[in-house]
Amino acid sequence: MQVKASLKNYRRSARKVREIANVLRGMKIEKAVHQLMVWDKGSCQDLLNLLKSAVANAENNFKIKEDNLYITEIRVNEGATLKRSRPRAHGRAAQILKRTCHVELTLDEKQEVEKKQL
């Protein structure tokens, strides 16, 4: 059973968030939470909140235990770009691009295969 959570219009560039997302892909929940708490990156706290939200969705909506969950997919797409200007020399203006992104997180349940004893 796949469980999804998303974070829309997050005010960080997709490039910065993808750096963290690439490491988390495929991790078990416990290990991913520990990794996010240890890292000193700006978007770790917000991704940790997103991960906790997805786990809460799994437990409350589908009665799936946290021990069996792992991150199957974490996708970071570009969002809308806010365009601002900054005054420059000789009356010109330079453009400032304030980028946003959308983060989509998908969790899945790991199925343990029973081993046959000979």
N, C-alpha and C. Protein backbone atom coordinates (compact mmCIF):
# COMPACT_ATOMS: atom_id res chain seq x y z
N MET A 1 0.85 -1.17 0.00
CA MET A 1 0.00 0.00 0.00
C MET A 1 0.90 1.23 0.00
N GLN A 2 0.75 2.06 -0.99
CA GLN A 2 1.56 3.28 -1.09
C GLN A 2 0.87 4.43 -0.37
N VAL A 3 1.67 5.19 0.36
CA VAL A 3 1.19 6.35 1.11
C VAL A 3 1.93 7.57 0.58
N LYS A 4 1.18 8.65 0.32
CA LYS A 4 1.79 9.84 -0.26
C LYS A 4 1.60 11.05 0.63
N ALA A 5 2.57 11.97 0.55
CA ALA A 5 2.47 13.28 1.19
C ALA A 5 3.21 14.26 0.28
N SER A 6 2.78 15.51 0.28
CA SER A 6 3.41 16.48 -0.61
C SER A 6 3.60 17.81 0.09
N LEU A 7 4.57 18.54 -0.39
CA LEU A 7 4.89 19.88 0.09
C LEU A 7 4.94 20.79 -1.13
N LYS A 8 3.98 21.69 -1.23
CA LYS A 8 3.86 22.53 -2.41
C LYS A 8 4.41 23.93 -2.15
N ASN A 9 4.95 24.54 -3.19
CA ASN A 9 5.47 25.92 -3.15
C ASN A 9 6.46 26.14 -2.00
N TYR A 10 7.38 25.22 -1.85
CA TYR A 10 8.41 25.32 -0.82
C TYR A 10 9.46 26.33 -1.27
N ARG A 11 9.76 27.31 -0.45
CA ARG A 11 10.61 28.44 -0.84
C ARG A 11 12.10 28.11 -0.75
N ARG A 12 12.51 27.09 -1.44
CA ARG A 12 13.92 26.78 -1.66
C ARG A 12 14.05 26.28 -3.08
N SER A 13 15.22 26.43 -3.63
CA SER A 13 15.40 25.97 -5.01
C SER A 13 15.39 24.44 -5.04
N ALA A 14 14.91 23.90 -6.14
CA ALA A 14 14.81 22.45 -6.29
C ALA A 14 16.18 21.80 -6.24
N ARG A 15 17.17 22.49 -6.70
CA ARG A 15 18.53 21.95 -6.73
C ARG A 15 19.04 21.65 -5.32
N LYS A 16 18.76 22.55 -4.38
CA LYS A 16 19.21 22.36 -3.00
C LYS A 16 18.46 21.23 -2.31
N VAL A 17 17.18 21.08 -2.62
CA VAL A 17 16.37 20.05 -1.98
C VAL A 17 16.67 18.67 -2.58
N ARG A 18 16.96 18.62 -3.89
CA ARG A 18 17.29 17.35 -4.55
C ARG A 18 18.54 16.72 -3.96
N GLU A 19 19.47 17.54 -3.52
CA GLU A 19 20.71 17.02 -2.93
C GLU A 19 20.40 16.13 -1.72
N ILE A 20 19.43 16.52 -0.93
CA ILE A 20 19.02 15.74 0.23
C ILE A 20 18.14 14.57 -0.20
N ALA A 21 17.23 14.83 -1.12
CA ALA A 21 16.26 13.81 -1.54
C ALA A 21 16.95 12.60 -2.17
N ASN A 22 18.02 12.82 -2.90
CA ASN A 22 18.72 11.71 -3.54
C ASN A 22 19.33 10.75 -2.54
N VAL A 23 19.72 11.25 -1.39
CA VAL A 23 20.30 10.39 -0.36
C VAL A 23 19.21 9.59 0.35
N LEU A 24 18.04 10.20 0.55
CA LEU A 24 16.96 9.56 1.32
C LEU A 24 16.23 8.47 0.55
N ARG A 25 16.29 8.50 -0.76
CA ARG A 25 15.53 7.55 -1.58
C ARG A 25 15.93 6.11 -1.26
N GLY A 26 14.92 5.28 -0.92
CA GLY A 26 15.17 3.87 -0.63
C GLY A 26 15.45 3.55 0.83
N MET A 27 15.58 4.56 1.67
CA MET A 27 15.91 4.33 3.09
C MET A 27 14.68 3.90 3.89
N LYS A 28 14.95 3.17 4.96
CA LYS A 28 13.89 2.89 5.93
C LYS A 28 13.61 4.17 6.70
N ILE A 29 12.43 4.26 7.29
CA ILE A 29 11.99 5.49 7.94
C ILE A 29 12.88 5.87 9.11
N GLU A 30 13.22 4.92 9.94
CA GLU A 30 14.04 5.20 11.12
C GLU A 30 15.40 5.77 10.73
N LYS A 31 16.01 5.19 9.72
CA LYS A 31 17.31 5.66 9.26
C LYS A 31 17.21 7.04 8.61
N ALA A 32 16.14 7.28 7.86
CA ALA A 32 15.95 8.57 7.20
C ALA A 32 15.73 9.68 8.22
N VAL A 33 14.96 9.41 9.28
CA VAL A 33 14.73 10.40 10.33
C VAL A 33 16.05 10.75 11.01
N HIS A 34 16.85 9.73 11.31
CA HIS A 34 18.15 9.98 11.94
C HIS A 34 19.05 10.80 11.03
N GLN A 35 19.05 10.48 9.74
CA GLN A 35 19.89 11.21 8.78
C GLN A 35 19.48 12.68 8.70
N LEU A 36 18.17 12.94 8.69
CA LEU A 36 17.69 14.32 8.60
C LEU A 36 17.98 15.12 9.87
N MET A 37 17.99 14.46 11.02
CA MET A 37 18.27 15.16 12.27
C MET A 37 19.75 15.50 12.40
N VAL A 38 20.61 14.69 11.80
CA VAL A 38 22.06 14.90 11.92
C VAL A 38 22.56 15.95 10.94
N TRP A 39 21.99 15.98 9.75
CA TRP A 39 22.46 16.90 8.71
C TRP A 39 22.28 18.35 9.08
N ASP A 40 23.16 19.20 8.57
CA ASP A 40 23.10 20.63 8.85
C ASP A 40 22.75 21.39 7.57
N LYS A 41 21.74 20.93 6.86
CA LYS A 41 21.26 21.60 5.64
C LYS A 41 19.99 22.36 5.98
N GLY A 42 19.69 23.39 5.21
CA GLY A 42 18.56 24.25 5.51
C GLY A 42 17.20 23.60 5.39
N SER A 43 17.02 22.70 4.44
CA SER A 43 15.70 22.13 4.22
C SER A 43 15.47 20.81 4.94
N CYS A 44 16.40 20.38 5.77
CA CYS A 44 16.25 19.10 6.47
C CYS A 44 15.07 19.09 7.42
N GLN A 45 14.85 20.18 8.14
CA GLN A 45 13.76 20.23 9.11
C GLN A 45 12.40 20.14 8.41
N ASP A 46 12.26 20.81 7.28
CA ASP A 46 10.99 20.76 6.56
C ASP A 46 10.76 19.40 5.92
N LEU A 47 11.82 18.76 5.43
CA LEU A 47 11.67 17.41 4.89
C LEU A 47 11.38 16.40 6.00
N LEU A 48 11.91 16.64 7.19
CA LEU A 48 11.60 15.78 8.33
C LEU A 48 10.12 15.90 8.70
N ASN A 49 9.58 17.12 8.67
CA ASN A 49 8.16 17.31 8.94
C ASN A 49 7.30 16.62 7.88
N LEU A 50 7.72 16.69 6.62
CA LEU A 50 7.00 16.01 5.55
C LEU A 50 7.02 14.50 5.75
N LEU A 51 8.16 13.96 6.14
CA LEU A 51 8.29 12.53 6.38
C LEU A 51 7.41 12.09 7.54
N LYS A 52 7.39 12.87 8.62
CA LYS A 52 6.53 12.55 9.76
C LYS A 52 5.06 12.60 9.38
N SER A 53 4.70 13.53 8.50
CA SER A 53 3.32 13.63 8.03
C SER A 53 2.93 12.40 7.22
N ALA A 54 3.82 11.93 6.37
CA ALA A 54 3.55 10.74 5.56
C ALA A 54 3.41 9.51 6.45
N VAL A 55 4.24 9.40 7.48
CA VAL A 55 4.16 8.27 8.41
C VAL A 55 2.84 8.32 9.18
N ALA A 56 2.44 9.51 9.61
CA ALA A 56 1.17 9.67 10.32
C ALA A 56 0.00 9.31 9.41
N ASN A 57 0.08 9.67 8.12
CA ASN A 57 -0.96 9.28 7.16
C ASN A 57 -1.06 7.76 7.06
N ALA A 58 0.09 7.08 7.04
CA ALA A 58 0.11 5.62 6.92
C ALA A 58 -0.50 4.97 8.16
N GLU A 59 -0.15 5.48 9.33
CA GLU A 59 -0.63 4.86 10.57
C GLU A 59 -2.12 5.12 10.77
N ASN A 60 -2.58 6.35 10.52
CA ASN A 60 -3.97 6.69 10.79
C ASN A 60 -4.93 6.22 9.71
N ASN A 61 -4.54 6.34 8.46
CA ASN A 61 -5.46 6.03 7.37
C ASN A 61 -5.44 4.56 6.96
N PHE A 62 -4.26 3.92 7.01
CA PHE A 62 -4.12 2.57 6.49
C PHE A 62 -3.69 1.55 7.53
N LYS A 63 -3.46 1.96 8.77
CA LYS A 63 -3.07 1.07 9.88
C LYS A 63 -1.78 0.31 9.56
N ILE A 64 -0.81 1.01 9.00
CA ILE A 64 0.49 0.42 8.70
C ILE A 64 1.48 0.87 9.76
N LYS A 65 2.26 -0.07 10.28
CA LYS A 65 3.24 0.27 11.31
C LYS A 65 4.46 0.95 10.68
N GLU A 66 5.09 1.82 11.46
CA GLU A 66 6.25 2.58 10.97
C GLU A 66 7.44 1.67 10.68
N ASP A 67 7.54 0.55 11.40
CA ASP A 67 8.69 -0.35 11.23
C ASP A 67 8.76 -0.95 9.83
N ASN A 68 7.61 -1.11 9.17
CA ASN A 68 7.56 -1.76 7.87
C ASN A 68 7.69 -0.78 6.70
N LEU A 69 7.76 0.51 6.97
CA LEU A 69 7.75 1.51 5.89
C LEU A 69 9.15 1.87 5.42
N TYR A 70 9.25 2.21 4.16
CA TYR A 70 10.48 2.76 3.59
C TYR A 70 10.11 3.75 2.49
N ILE A 71 11.05 4.60 2.13
CA ILE A 71 10.81 5.64 1.13
C ILE A 71 11.03 5.03 -0.26
N THR A 72 9.95 4.91 -1.03
CA THR A 72 10.10 4.37 -2.38
C THR A 72 10.46 5.45 -3.37
N GLU A 73 9.82 6.60 -3.21
CA GLU A 73 10.04 7.67 -4.19
C GLU A 73 9.98 9.01 -3.49
N ILE A 74 10.90 9.87 -3.82
CA ILE A 74 10.86 11.26 -3.38
C ILE A 74 11.21 12.10 -4.59
N ARG A 75 10.25 12.89 -5.01
CA ARG A 75 10.39 13.65 -6.24
C ARG A 75 10.39 15.14 -5.92
N VAL A 76 11.35 15.87 -6.51
CA VAL A 76 11.46 17.31 -6.31
C VAL A 76 11.35 17.98 -7.67
N ASN A 77 10.26 18.73 -7.87
CA ASN A 77 10.03 19.44 -9.13
C ASN A 77 10.10 20.94 -8.89
N GLU A 78 10.41 21.68 -9.95
CA GLU A 78 10.43 23.13 -9.83
C GLU A 78 9.02 23.68 -9.71
N GLY A 79 8.88 24.71 -8.90
CA GLY A 79 7.60 25.39 -8.75
C GLY A 79 7.65 26.74 -9.44
N ALA A 80 6.75 27.62 -9.03
CA ALA A 80 6.71 28.97 -9.61
C ALA A 80 7.94 29.76 -9.17
N THR A 81 8.41 30.64 -10.02
CA THR A 81 9.55 31.49 -9.71
C THR A 81 9.07 32.91 -9.49
N LEU A 82 9.41 33.46 -8.33
CA LEU A 82 9.07 34.85 -8.04
C LEU A 82 10.14 35.74 -8.65
N LYS A 83 9.72 36.75 -9.40
CA LYS A 83 10.68 37.62 -10.08
C LYS A 83 10.68 38.98 -9.39
N ARG A 84 11.85 39.36 -8.92
CA ARG A 84 12.04 40.64 -8.25
C ARG A 84 13.17 41.38 -8.96
N SER A 85 13.30 42.68 -8.69
CA SER A 85 14.38 43.43 -9.33
C SER A 85 15.20 44.16 -8.28
N ARG A 86 16.44 44.42 -8.64
CA ARG A 86 17.38 45.11 -7.76
C ARG A 86 17.99 46.26 -8.55
N PRO A 87 18.05 47.42 -7.95
CA PRO A 87 18.65 48.56 -8.67
C PRO A 87 20.15 48.36 -8.89
N ARG A 88 20.60 48.76 -10.07
CA ARG A 88 22.02 48.66 -10.43
C ARG A 88 22.50 50.03 -10.92
N ALA A 89 23.72 50.09 -11.36
CA ALA A 89 24.33 51.35 -11.78
C ALA A 89 23.69 51.91 -13.05
N HIS A 90 23.75 53.22 -13.21
CA HIS A 90 23.26 53.93 -14.39
C HIS A 90 21.76 53.74 -14.60
N GLY A 91 21.00 53.59 -13.53
CA GLY A 91 19.55 53.50 -13.63
C GLY A 91 19.01 52.19 -14.15
N ARG A 92 19.84 51.19 -14.21
CA ARG A 92 19.38 49.89 -14.70
C ARG A 92 18.80 49.07 -13.55
N ALA A 93 18.21 47.96 -13.89
CA ALA A 93 17.68 47.04 -12.88
C ALA A 93 18.12 45.62 -13.23
N ALA A 94 18.53 44.87 -12.22
CA ALA A 94 18.91 43.47 -12.41
C ALA A 94 17.81 42.59 -11.83
N GLN A 95 17.61 41.45 -12.46
CA GLN A 95 16.53 40.57 -12.03
C GLN A 95 17.02 39.61 -10.96
N ILE A 96 16.18 39.39 -9.94
CA ILE A 96 16.43 38.41 -8.89
C ILE A 96 15.35 37.34 -9.04
N LEU A 97 15.76 36.07 -9.14
CA LEU A 97 14.82 34.97 -9.26
C LEU A 97 14.74 34.25 -7.93
N LYS A 98 13.57 34.25 -7.32
CA LYS A 98 13.36 33.54 -6.06
C LYS A 98 12.61 32.26 -6.39
N ARG A 99 13.32 31.16 -6.34
CA ARG A 99 12.78 29.90 -6.84
C ARG A 99 12.02 29.13 -5.75
N THR A 100 11.06 28.34 -6.19
CA THR A 100 10.30 27.46 -5.30
C THR A 100 10.32 26.06 -5.88
N CYS A 101 9.86 25.09 -5.09
CA CYS A 101 9.80 23.72 -5.58
C CYS A 101 8.63 22.98 -4.94
N HIS A 102 8.28 21.86 -5.53
CA HIS A 102 7.25 20.97 -5.02
C HIS A 102 7.93 19.65 -4.67
N VAL A 103 7.68 19.13 -3.47
CA VAL A 103 8.26 17.86 -3.04
C VAL A 103 7.13 16.86 -2.85
N GLU A 104 7.25 15.70 -3.49
CA GLU A 104 6.28 14.62 -3.36
C GLU A 104 6.99 13.40 -2.79
N LEU A 105 6.46 12.88 -1.69
CA LEU A 105 7.07 11.76 -0.98
C LEU A 105 6.13 10.57 -1.02
N THR A 106 6.64 9.39 -1.38
CA THR A 106 5.84 8.17 -1.43
C THR A 106 6.49 7.12 -0.55
N LEU A 107 5.71 6.56 0.36
CA LEU A 107 6.18 5.48 1.23
C LEU A 107 5.50 4.19 0.81
N ASP A 108 6.16 3.07 1.07
CA ASP A 108 5.56 1.78 0.78
C ASP A 108 5.91 0.82 1.91
N GLU A 109 5.15 -0.26 1.99
CA GLU A 109 5.34 -1.25 3.05
C GLU A 109 6.24 -2.35 2.54
N LYS A 110 7.22 -2.72 3.36
CA LYS A 110 8.12 -3.81 3.00
C LYS A 110 7.50 -5.12 3.43
N GLN A 111 7.43 -6.04 2.53
CA GLN A 111 6.86 -7.36 2.82
C GLN A 111 8.00 -8.33 3.14
N GLU A 112 7.90 -8.94 4.30
CA GLU A 112 8.90 -9.95 4.68
C GLU A 112 8.51 -11.28 4.04
N VAL A 113 9.45 -11.93 3.38
CA VAL A 113 9.20 -13.21 2.77
C VAL A 113 9.60 -14.30 3.76
N GLU A 114 8.68 -15.21 4.01
CA GLU A 114 8.98 -16.30 4.94
C GLU A 114 9.91 -17.31 4.27
N LYS A 115 10.94 -17.73 5.02
CA LYS A 115 11.88 -18.70 4.48
C LYS A 115 11.42 -20.10 4.87
N LYS A 116 11.50 -20.98 3.91
CA LYS A 116 11.15 -22.38 4.18
C LYS A 116 12.34 -23.08 4.80
N GLN A 117 12.07 -23.83 5.84
CA GLN A 117 13.14 -24.60 6.46
C GLN A 117 13.15 -25.99 5.88
N LEU A 118 14.35 -26.46 5.57
CA LEU A 118 14.48 -27.80 5.00
C LEU A 118 14.68 -28.84 6.06
